[in-house]
Amino acid sequence: MIVIDNVKYACQKCIKGHRSSRCDHTERHLVIVKRKGRPISQCDECREQRLKRHIHQKCVCPKLSGKKKYLTNTTSNATKTLNTSRHIMSIEALLLS
């Protein structure tokens, strides 16, 4: 495995063959070696709150994945509306039929 600025790299063939720790192919295209385990699904703020309260809750912050906020204020009547992708898709399907 090749380490550049504390980031681990290996060639794609060694990663697919589960040999990334022994890769020393500098002439091939190098790819960043991902961390083991499941990817992080919560932002830092929600994870910190989870550790303080000892309660696991789903992260709905738009920071982690660039998603829109679930609840947004509308300017016309100041009520909160739900803006999930599933909800928007179902409304579009009803309008088209």
PDB file of N, CA and C in Angstrom:
ATOM      1  N   MET A   1       0.845  -1.157   0.000  1.00  0.00           N
ATOM      2  CA  MET A   1       0.000   0.000   0.000  1.00  0.00           C
ATOM      3  C   MET A   1       0.898   1.229   0.000  1.00  0.00           C
ATOM      4  N   ILE A   2       0.545   2.194  -0.807  1.00  0.00           N
ATOM      5  CA  ILE A   2       1.324   3.412  -0.928  1.00  0.00           C
ATOM      6  C   ILE A   2       0.635   4.503  -0.110  1.00  0.00           C
ATOM      7  N   VAL A   3       1.384   5.179   0.745  1.00  0.00           N
ATOM      8  CA  VAL A   3       0.832   6.226   1.603  1.00  0.00           C
ATOM      9  C   VAL A   3       1.387   7.572   1.161  1.00  0.00           C
ATOM     10  N   ILE A   4       0.483   8.483   0.799  1.00  0.00           N
ATOM     11  CA  ILE A   4       0.865   9.833   0.400  1.00  0.00           C
ATOM     12  C   ILE A   4       0.053  10.805   1.253  1.00  0.00           C
ATOM     13  N   ASP A   5       0.708  11.637   2.041  1.00  0.00           N
ATOM     14  CA  ASP A   5       0.055  12.606   2.937  1.00  0.00           C
ATOM     15  C   ASP A   5      -0.972  11.933   3.847  1.00  0.00           C
ATOM     16  N   ASN A   6      -0.601  10.818   4.448  1.00  0.00           N
ATOM     17  CA  ASN A   6      -1.459  10.045   5.364  1.00  0.00           C
ATOM     18  C   ASN A   6      -2.734   9.523   4.707  1.00  0.00           C
ATOM     19  N   VAL A   7      -2.741   9.371   3.386  1.00  0.00           N
ATOM     20  CA  VAL A   7      -3.858   8.783   2.649  1.00  0.00           C
ATOM     21  C   VAL A   7      -3.338   7.530   1.972  1.00  0.00           C
ATOM     22  N   LYS A   8      -4.061   6.416   2.142  1.00  0.00           N
ATOM     23  CA  LYS A   8      -3.610   5.135   1.599  1.00  0.00           C
ATOM     24  C   LYS A   8      -4.132   4.949   0.176  1.00  0.00           C
ATOM     25  N   TYR A   9      -3.242   4.503  -0.712  1.00  0.00           N
ATOM     26  CA  TYR A   9      -3.569   4.264  -2.115  1.00  0.00           C
ATOM     27  C   TYR A   9      -3.169   2.847  -2.497  1.00  0.00           C
ATOM     28  N   ALA A  10      -3.921   2.274  -3.456  1.00  0.00           N
ATOM     29  CA  ALA A  10      -3.588   0.978  -4.042  1.00  0.00           C
ATOM     30  C   ALA A  10      -4.171   0.947  -5.448  1.00  0.00           C
ATOM     31  N   CYS A  11      -3.659   0.042  -6.287  1.00  0.00           N
ATOM     32  CA  CYS A  11      -4.207  -0.063  -7.637  1.00  0.00           C
ATOM     33  C   CYS A  11      -5.548  -0.801  -7.585  1.00  0.00           C
ATOM     34  N   GLN A  12      -6.359  -0.602  -8.611  1.00  0.00           N
ATOM     35  CA  GLN A  12      -7.711  -1.167  -8.637  1.00  0.00           C
ATOM     36  C   GLN A  12      -7.697  -2.694  -8.608  1.00  0.00           C
ATOM     37  N   LYS A  13      -6.753  -3.325  -9.295  1.00  0.00           N
ATOM     38  CA  LYS A  13      -6.692  -4.792  -9.309  1.00  0.00           C
ATOM     39  C   LYS A  13      -6.391  -5.356  -7.933  1.00  0.00           C
ATOM     40  N   CYS A  14      -5.500  -4.714  -7.198  1.00  0.00           N
ATOM     41  CA  CYS A  14      -5.185  -5.192  -5.844  1.00  0.00           C
ATOM     42  C   CYS A  14      -6.361  -4.968  -4.893  1.00  0.00           C
ATOM     43  N   ILE A  15      -7.102  -3.887  -5.085  1.00  0.00           N
ATOM     44  CA  ILE A  15      -8.276  -3.645  -4.239  1.00  0.00           C
ATOM     45  C   ILE A  15      -9.333  -4.705  -4.507  1.00  0.00           C
ATOM     46  N   LYS A  16      -9.602  -4.991  -5.782  1.00  0.00           N
ATOM     47  CA  LYS A  16     -10.607  -6.012  -6.112  1.00  0.00           C
ATOM     48  C   LYS A  16     -10.167  -7.403  -5.680  1.00  0.00           C
ATOM     49  N   GLY A  17      -8.875  -7.666  -5.691  1.00  0.00           N
ATOM     50  CA  GLY A  17      -8.357  -8.963  -5.275  1.00  0.00           C
ATOM     51  C   GLY A  17      -8.060  -9.051  -3.791  1.00  0.00           C
ATOM     52  N   HIS A  18      -8.499  -8.054  -3.017  1.00  0.00           N
ATOM     53  CA  HIS A  18      -8.312  -8.022  -1.556  1.00  0.00           C
ATOM     54  C   HIS A  18      -6.830  -8.093  -1.177  1.00  0.00           C
ATOM     55  N   ARG A  19      -5.986  -7.424  -1.960  1.00  0.00           N
ATOM     56  CA  ARG A  19      -4.550  -7.393  -1.684  1.00  0.00           C
ATOM     57  C   ARG A  19      -4.056  -5.961  -1.530  1.00  0.00           C
ATOM     58  N   SER A  20      -4.909  -5.049  -1.124  1.00  0.00           N
ATOM     59  CA  SER A  20      -4.532  -3.631  -1.095  1.00  0.00           C
ATOM     60  C   SER A  20      -3.415  -3.339  -0.101  1.00  0.00           C
ATOM     61  N   SER A  21      -3.314  -4.121   0.963  1.00  0.00           N
ATOM     62  CA  SER A  21      -2.257  -3.860   1.948  1.00  0.00           C
ATOM     63  C   SER A  21      -0.877  -4.251   1.419  1.00  0.00           C
ATOM     64  N   ARG A  22      -0.818  -5.118   0.396  1.00  0.00           N
ATOM     65  CA  ARG A  22       0.468  -5.547  -0.165  1.00  0.00           C
ATOM     66  C   ARG A  22       0.759  -4.929  -1.527  1.00  0.00           C
ATOM     67  N   CYS A  23      -0.057  -3.978  -1.956  1.00  0.00           N
ATOM     68  CA  CYS A  23       0.114  -3.375  -3.285  1.00  0.00           C
ATOM     69  C   CYS A  23       1.314  -2.436  -3.299  1.00  0.00           C
ATOM     70  N   ASP A  24       2.177  -2.618  -4.303  1.00  0.00           N
ATOM     71  CA  ASP A  24       3.290  -1.694  -4.499  1.00  0.00           C
ATOM     72  C   ASP A  24       3.441  -1.354  -5.979  1.00  0.00           C
ATOM     73  N   HIS A  25       2.340  -1.343  -6.713  1.00  0.00           N
ATOM     74  CA  HIS A  25       2.331  -1.049  -8.144  1.00  0.00           C
ATOM     75  C   HIS A  25       2.277   0.465  -8.353  1.00  0.00           C
ATOM     76  N   THR A  26       3.409   1.087  -8.482  1.00  0.00           N
ATOM     77  CA  THR A  26       3.443   2.538  -8.670  1.00  0.00           C
ATOM     78  C   THR A  26       3.175   2.939 -10.112  1.00  0.00           C
ATOM     79  N   GLU A  27       3.307   1.997 -11.053  1.00  0.00           N
ATOM     80  CA  GLU A  27       3.109   2.325 -12.465  1.00  0.00           C
ATOM     81  C   GLU A  27       1.636   2.284 -12.869  1.00  0.00           C
ATOM     82  N   ARG A  28       0.761   1.709 -12.040  1.00  0.00           N
ATOM     83  CA  ARG A  28      -0.670   1.626 -12.343  1.00  0.00           C
ATOM     84  C   ARG A  28      -1.412   2.832 -11.776  1.00  0.00           C
ATOM     85  N   HIS A  29      -2.663   2.980 -12.224  1.00  0.00           N
ATOM     86  CA  HIS A  29      -3.527   4.049 -11.711  1.00  0.00           C
ATOM     87  C   HIS A  29      -3.899   3.736 -10.268  1.00  0.00           C
ATOM     88  N   LEU A  30      -3.597   4.642  -9.351  1.00  0.00           N
ATOM     89  CA  LEU A  30      -3.841   4.408  -7.933  1.00  0.00           C
ATOM     90  C   LEU A  30      -5.177   5.002  -7.502  1.00  0.00           C
ATOM     91  N   VAL A  31      -5.844   4.286  -6.601  1.00  0.00           N
ATOM     92  CA  VAL A  31      -7.151   4.682  -6.087  1.00  0.00           C
ATOM     93  C   VAL A  31      -7.050   4.755  -4.569  1.00  0.00           C
ATOM     94  N   ILE A  32      -7.789   5.677  -3.964  1.00  0.00           N
ATOM     95  CA  ILE A  32      -7.798   5.791  -2.505  1.00  0.00           C
ATOM     96  C   ILE A  32      -8.457   4.552  -1.913  1.00  0.00           C
ATOM     97  N   VAL A  33      -7.838   3.975  -0.893  1.00  0.00           N
ATOM     98  CA  VAL A  33      -8.386   2.806  -0.210  1.00  0.00           C
ATOM     99  C   VAL A  33      -9.390   3.299   0.821  1.00  0.00           C
ATOM    100  N   LYS A  34     -10.635   2.819   0.710  1.00  0.00           N
ATOM    101  CA  LYS A  34     -11.692   3.246   1.627  1.00  0.00           C
ATOM    102  C   LYS A  34     -11.536   2.569   2.979  1.00  0.00           C
ATOM    103  N   ARG A  35     -12.134   3.173   3.983  1.00  0.00           N
ATOM    104  CA  ARG A  35     -12.098   2.611   5.329  1.00  0.00           C
ATOM    105  C   ARG A  35     -12.932   1.342   5.395  1.00  0.00           C
ATOM    106  N   LYS A  36     -12.602   0.481   6.342  1.00  0.00           N
ATOM    107  CA  LYS A  36     -13.378  -0.736   6.539  1.00  0.00           C
ATOM    108  C   LYS A  36     -14.698  -0.399   7.203  1.00  0.00           C
ATOM    109  N   GLY A  37     -15.690  -1.258   7.003  1.00  0.00           N
ATOM    110  CA  GLY A  37     -16.971  -1.102   7.680  1.00  0.00           C
ATOM    111  C   GLY A  37     -17.978  -0.316   6.867  1.00  0.00           C
ATOM    112  N   ARG A  38     -19.105  -0.062   7.493  1.00  0.00           N
ATOM    113  CA  ARG A  38     -20.184   0.664   6.834  1.00  0.00           C
ATOM    114  C   ARG A  38     -19.843   2.145   6.742  1.00  0.00           C
ATOM    115  N   PRO A  39     -20.318   2.812   5.682  1.00  0.00           N
ATOM    116  CA  PRO A  39     -20.062   4.247   5.573  1.00  0.00           C
ATOM    117  C   PRO A  39     -20.838   5.031   6.633  1.00  0.00           C
ATOM    118  N   ILE A  40     -20.351   6.204   6.962  1.00  0.00           N
ATOM    119  CA  ILE A  40     -20.986   7.045   7.974  1.00  0.00           C
ATOM    120  C   ILE A  40     -22.316   7.558   7.434  1.00  0.00           C
ATOM    121  N   SER A  41     -23.374   7.460   8.250  1.00  0.00           N
ATOM    122  CA  SER A  41     -24.691   7.904   7.810  1.00  0.00           C
ATOM    123  C   SER A  41     -25.187   9.108   8.587  1.00  0.00           C
ATOM    124  N   GLN A  42     -24.397   9.620   9.505  1.00  0.00           N
ATOM    125  CA  GLN A  42     -24.801  10.786  10.281  1.00  0.00           C
ATOM    126  C   GLN A  42     -23.733  11.864  10.181  1.00  0.00           C
ATOM    127  N   CYS A  43     -24.187  13.123  10.270  1.00  0.00           N
ATOM    128  CA  CYS A  43     -23.230  14.228  10.290  1.00  0.00           C
ATOM    129  C   CYS A  43     -22.601  14.306  11.684  1.00  0.00           C
ATOM    130  N   ASP A  44     -21.582  15.121  11.820  1.00  0.00           N
ATOM    131  CA  ASP A  44     -20.861  15.217  13.092  1.00  0.00           C
ATOM    132  C   ASP A  44     -21.748  15.714  14.228  1.00  0.00           C
ATOM    133  N   GLU A  45     -22.634  16.671  13.925  1.00  0.00           N
ATOM    134  CA  GLU A  45     -23.502  17.228  14.968  1.00  0.00           C
ATOM    135  C   GLU A  45     -24.484  16.185  15.491  1.00  0.00           C
ATOM    136  N   CYS A  46     -25.127  15.448  14.599  1.00  0.00           N
ATOM    137  CA  CYS A  46     -26.090  14.422  15.024  1.00  0.00           C
ATOM    138  C   CYS A  46     -25.381  13.286  15.761  1.00  0.00           C
ATOM    139  N   ARG A  47     -24.179  12.926  15.335  1.00  0.00           N
ATOM    140  CA  ARG A  47     -23.425  11.871  16.002  1.00  0.00           C
ATOM    141  C   ARG A  47     -23.040  12.299  17.418  1.00  0.00           C
ATOM    142  N   GLU A  48     -22.662  13.572  17.575  1.00  0.00           N
ATOM    143  CA  GLU A  48     -22.306  14.083  18.898  1.00  0.00           C
ATOM    144  C   GLU A  48     -23.519  14.085  19.829  1.00  0.00           C
ATOM    145  N   GLN A  49     -24.691  14.474  19.309  1.00  0.00           N
ATOM    146  CA  GLN A  49     -25.919  14.449  20.115  1.00  0.00           C
ATOM    147  C   GLN A  49     -26.290  13.024  20.490  1.00  0.00           C
ATOM    148  N   ARG A  50     -26.086  12.088  19.566  1.00  0.00           N
ATOM    149  CA  ARG A  50     -26.389  10.686  19.849  1.00  0.00           C
ATOM    150  C   ARG A  50     -25.512  10.162  20.980  1.00  0.00           C
ATOM    151  N   LEU A  51     -24.239  10.534  20.978  1.00  0.00           N
ATOM    152  CA  LEU A  51     -23.336  10.073  22.027  1.00  0.00           C
ATOM    153  C   LEU A  51     -23.661  10.705  23.378  1.00  0.00           C
ATOM    154  N   LYS A  52     -24.129  11.946  23.380  1.00  0.00           N
ATOM    155  CA  LYS A  52     -24.483  12.618  24.632  1.00  0.00           C
ATOM    156  C   LYS A  52     -25.757  12.040  25.241  1.00  0.00           C
ATOM    157  N   ARG A  53     -26.787  11.827  24.399  1.00  0.00           N
ATOM    158  CA  ARG A  53     -28.104  11.406  24.886  1.00  0.00           C
ATOM    159  C   ARG A  53     -28.282   9.894  24.932  1.00  0.00           C
ATOM    160  N   HIS A  54     -27.369   9.140  24.346  1.00  0.00           N
ATOM    161  CA  HIS A  54     -27.460   7.676  24.268  1.00  0.00           C
ATOM    162  C   HIS A  54     -28.733   7.229  23.557  1.00  0.00           C
ATOM    163  N   ILE A  55     -29.165   8.000  22.562  1.00  0.00           N
ATOM    164  CA  ILE A  55     -30.348   7.666  21.768  1.00  0.00           C
ATOM    165  C   ILE A  55     -29.951   7.755  20.302  1.00  0.00           C
ATOM    166  N   HIS A  56     -30.331   6.746  19.528  1.00  0.00           N
ATOM    167  CA  HIS A  56     -30.017   6.755  18.102  1.00  0.00           C
ATOM    168  C   HIS A  56     -31.203   7.317  17.335  1.00  0.00           C
ATOM    169  N   GLN A  57     -30.953   8.347  16.561  1.00  0.00           N
ATOM    170  CA  GLN A  57     -32.003   8.907  15.725  1.00  0.00           C
ATOM    171  C   GLN A  57     -31.446   9.162  14.335  1.00  0.00           C
ATOM    172  N   LYS A  58     -32.334   9.167  13.350  1.00  0.00           N
ATOM    173  CA  LYS A  58     -31.923   9.342  11.969  1.00  0.00           C
ATOM    174  C   LYS A  58     -31.488  10.789  11.727  1.00  0.00           C
ATOM    175  N   CYS A  59     -30.408  10.952  11.008  1.00  0.00           N
ATOM    176  CA  CYS A  59     -29.894  12.284  10.687  1.00  0.00           C
ATOM    177  C   CYS A  59     -30.706  12.858   9.526  1.00  0.00           C
ATOM    178  N   VAL A  60     -31.314  14.004   9.732  1.00  0.00           N
ATOM    179  CA  VAL A  60     -32.090  14.651   8.679  1.00  0.00           C
ATOM    180  C   VAL A  60     -31.442  15.959   8.243  1.00  0.00           C
ATOM    181  N   CYS A  61     -30.204  16.157   8.625  1.00  0.00           N
ATOM    182  CA  CYS A  61     -29.478  17.366   8.246  1.00  0.00           C
ATOM    183  C   CYS A  61     -29.123  17.314   6.763  1.00  0.00           C
ATOM    184  N   PRO A  62     -29.219  18.430   6.063  1.00  0.00           N
ATOM    185  CA  PRO A  62     -28.853  18.434   4.643  1.00  0.00           C
ATOM    186  C   PRO A  62     -27.348  18.486   4.424  1.00  0.00           C
ATOM    187  N   LYS A  63     -26.551  18.626   5.491  1.00  0.00           N
ATOM    188  CA  LYS A  63     -25.098  18.779   5.363  1.00  0.00           C
ATOM    189  C   LYS A  63     -24.417  17.524   4.838  1.00  0.00           C
ATOM    190  N   LEU A  64     -24.871  16.343   5.286  1.00  0.00           N
ATOM    191  CA  LEU A  64     -24.158  15.107   4.986  1.00  0.00           C
ATOM    192  C   LEU A  64     -24.223  14.741   3.511  1.00  0.00           C
ATOM    193  N   SER A  65     -25.403  14.775   2.926  1.00  0.00           N
ATOM    194  CA  SER A  65     -25.518  14.298   1.552  1.00  0.00           C
ATOM    195  C   SER A  65     -25.969  15.374   0.574  1.00  0.00           C
ATOM    196  N   GLY A  66     -26.098  16.609   1.017  1.00  0.00           N
ATOM    197  CA  GLY A  66     -26.506  17.668   0.106  1.00  0.00           C
ATOM    198  C   GLY A  66     -27.982  17.628  -0.214  1.00  0.00           C
ATOM    199  N   LYS A  67     -28.768  16.925   0.583  1.00  0.00           N
ATOM    200  CA  LYS A  67     -30.205  16.838   0.341  1.00  0.00           C
ATOM    201  C   LYS A  67     -30.882  18.118   0.799  1.00  0.00           C
ATOM    202  N   LYS A  68     -32.106  18.349   0.290  1.00  0.00           N
ATOM    203  CA  LYS A  68     -32.886  19.481   0.747  1.00  0.00           C
ATOM    204  C   LYS A  68     -33.384  19.204   2.154  1.00  0.00           C
ATOM    205  N   LYS A  69     -33.711  20.251   2.862  1.00  0.00           N
ATOM    206  CA  LYS A  69     -34.257  20.069   4.191  1.00  0.00           C
ATOM    207  C   LYS A  69     -35.629  19.423   4.081  1.00  0.00           C
ATOM    208  N   TYR A  70     -35.985  18.612   5.066  1.00  0.00           N
ATOM    209  CA  TYR A  70     -37.272  17.947   5.049  1.00  0.00           C
ATOM    210  C   TYR A  70     -38.400  18.932   5.300  1.00  0.00           C
ATOM    211  N   LEU A  71     -38.213  19.845   6.210  1.00  0.00           N
ATOM    212  CA  LEU A  71     -39.244  20.829   6.504  1.00  0.00           C
ATOM    213  C   LEU A  71     -38.744  22.205   6.102  1.00  0.00           C
ATOM    214  N   THR A  72     -39.529  22.883   5.260  1.00  0.00           N
ATOM    215  CA  THR A  72     -39.160  24.229   4.850  1.00  0.00           C
ATOM    216  C   THR A  72     -40.349  25.141   5.052  1.00  0.00           C
ATOM    217  N   ASN A  73     -40.093  26.389   5.336  1.00  0.00           N
ATOM    218  CA  ASN A  73     -41.171  27.359   5.489  1.00  0.00           C
ATOM    219  C   ASN A  73     -41.578  27.864   4.117  1.00  0.00           C
ATOM    220  N   THR A  74     -42.883  27.949   3.885  1.00  0.00           N
ATOM    221  CA  THR A  74     -43.365  28.542   2.651  1.00  0.00           C
ATOM    222  C   THR A  74     -43.607  30.012   2.920  1.00  0.00           C
ATOM    223  N   THR A  75     -43.397  30.851   1.937  1.00  0.00           N
ATOM    224  CA  THR A  75     -43.517  32.288   2.149  1.00  0.00           C
ATOM    225  C   THR A  75     -44.966  32.749   2.140  1.00  0.00           C
ATOM    226  N   SER A  76     -45.874  32.029   1.493  1.00  0.00           N
ATOM    227  CA  SER A  76     -47.244  32.505   1.359  1.00  0.00           C
ATOM    228  C   SER A  76     -48.040  32.418   2.653  1.00  0.00           C
ATOM    229  N   ASN A  77     -47.993  31.281   3.343  1.00  0.00           N
ATOM    230  CA  ASN A  77     -48.828  31.151   4.536  1.00  0.00           C
ATOM    231  C   ASN A  77     -48.042  30.713   5.763  1.00  0.00           C
ATOM    232  N   ALA A  78     -46.733  30.689   5.682  1.00  0.00           N
ATOM    233  CA  ALA A  78     -45.845  30.367   6.809  1.00  0.00           C
ATOM    234  C   ALA A  78     -46.167  29.021   7.450  1.00  0.00           C
ATOM    235  N   THR A  79     -46.722  28.086   6.685  1.00  0.00           N
ATOM    236  CA  THR A  79     -46.926  26.734   7.198  1.00  0.00           C
ATOM    237  C   THR A  79     -45.774  25.878   6.740  1.00  0.00           C
ATOM    238  N   LYS A  80     -45.563  24.795   7.416  1.00  0.00           N
ATOM    239  CA  LYS A  80     -44.464  23.912   7.047  1.00  0.00           C
ATOM    240  C   LYS A  80     -44.989  22.830   6.110  1.00  0.00           C
ATOM    241  N   THR A  81     -44.246  22.584   5.053  1.00  0.00           N
ATOM    242  CA  THR A  81     -44.636  21.564   4.091  1.00  0.00           C
ATOM    243  C   THR A  81     -43.556  20.510   4.021  1.00  0.00           C
ATOM    244  N   LEU A  82     -43.961  19.312   3.709  1.00  0.00           N
ATOM    245  CA  LEU A  82     -43.036  18.195   3.622  1.00  0.00           C
ATOM    246  C   LEU A  82     -42.491  18.115   2.207  1.00  0.00           C
ATOM    247  N   ASN A  83     -41.172  18.125   2.059  1.00  0.00           N
ATOM    248  CA  ASN A  83     -40.541  18.114   0.740  1.00  0.00           C
ATOM    249  C   ASN A  83     -39.654  16.893   0.565  1.00  0.00           C
ATOM    250  N   THR A  84     -40.181  15.708   0.671  1.00  0.00           N
ATOM    251  CA  THR A  84     -39.368  14.528   0.413  1.00  0.00           C
ATOM    252  C   THR A  84     -39.493  14.154  -1.045  1.00  0.00           C
ATOM    253  N   SER A  85     -38.511  13.463  -1.568  1.00  0.00           N
ATOM    254  CA  SER A  85     -38.521  13.112  -2.987  1.00  0.00           C
ATOM    255  C   SER A  85     -39.670  12.172  -3.314  1.00  0.00           C
ATOM    256  N   ARG A  86     -40.010  11.260  -2.408  1.00  0.00           N
ATOM    257  CA  ARG A  86     -41.105  10.329  -2.654  1.00  0.00           C
ATOM    258  C   ARG A  86     -42.429  11.084  -2.747  1.00  0.00           C
ATOM    259  N   HIS A  87     -42.609  12.082  -1.877  1.00  0.00           N
ATOM    260  CA  HIS A  87     -43.835  12.869  -1.856  1.00  0.00           C
ATOM    261  C   HIS A  87     -43.974  13.665  -3.150  1.00  0.00           C
ATOM    262  N   ILE A  88     -42.899  14.275  -3.606  1.00  0.00           N
ATOM    263  CA  ILE A  88     -42.926  15.062  -4.833  1.00  0.00           C
ATOM    264  C   ILE A  88     -43.196  14.166  -6.033  1.00  0.00           C
ATOM    265  N   MET A  89     -42.605  12.969  -6.067  1.00  0.00           N
ATOM    266  CA  MET A  89     -42.827  12.054  -7.182  1.00  0.00           C
ATOM    267  C   MET A  89     -44.275  11.614  -7.247  1.00  0.00           C
ATOM    268  N   SER A  90     -44.915  11.368  -6.101  1.00  0.00           N
ATOM    269  CA  SER A  90     -46.297  10.904  -6.122  1.00  0.00           C
ATOM    270  C   SER A  90     -47.228  12.009  -6.603  1.00  0.00           C
ATOM    271  N   ILE A  91     -46.942  13.263  -6.270  1.00  0.00           N
ATOM    272  CA  ILE A  91     -47.765  14.375  -6.737  1.00  0.00           C
ATOM    273  C   ILE A  91     -47.615  14.534  -8.242  1.00  0.00           C
ATOM    274  N   GLU A  92     -46.393  14.423  -8.755  1.00  0.00           N
ATOM    275  CA  GLU A  92     -46.184  14.535 -10.197  1.00  0.00           C
ATOM    276  C   GLU A  92     -46.894  13.421 -10.948  1.00  0.00           C
ATOM    277  N   ALA A  93     -46.917  12.222 -10.391  1.00  0.00           N
ATOM    278  CA  ALA A  93     -47.612  11.109 -11.037  1.00  0.00           C
ATOM    279  C   ALA A  93     -49.110  11.370 -11.090  1.00  0.00           C
ATOM    280  N   LEU A  94     -49.666  11.966 -10.050  1.00  0.00           N
ATOM    281  CA  LEU A  94     -51.094  12.280 -10.036  1.00  0.00           C
ATOM    282  C   LEU A  94     -51.432  13.378 -11.034  1.00  0.00           C
ATOM    283  N   LEU A  95     -50.564  14.357 -11.175  1.00  0.00           N
ATOM    284  CA  LEU A  95     -50.823  15.451 -12.101  1.00  0.00           C
ATOM    285  C   LEU A  95     -50.738  15.001 -13.554  1.00  0.00           C
ATOM    286  N   LEU A  96     -49.867  14.049 -13.839  1.00  0.00           N
ATOM    287  CA  LEU A  96     -49.701  13.581 -15.214  1.00  0.00           C
ATOM    288  C   LEU A  96     -50.828  12.665 -15.659  1.00  0.00           C
ATOM    289  N   SER A  97     -51.509  12.016 -14.737  1.00  0.00           N
ATOM    290  CA  SER A  97     -52.576  11.087 -15.144  1.00  0.00           C
ATOM    291  C   SER A  97     -53.913  11.757 -15.260  1.00  0.00           C
TER     292      SER A  97
END
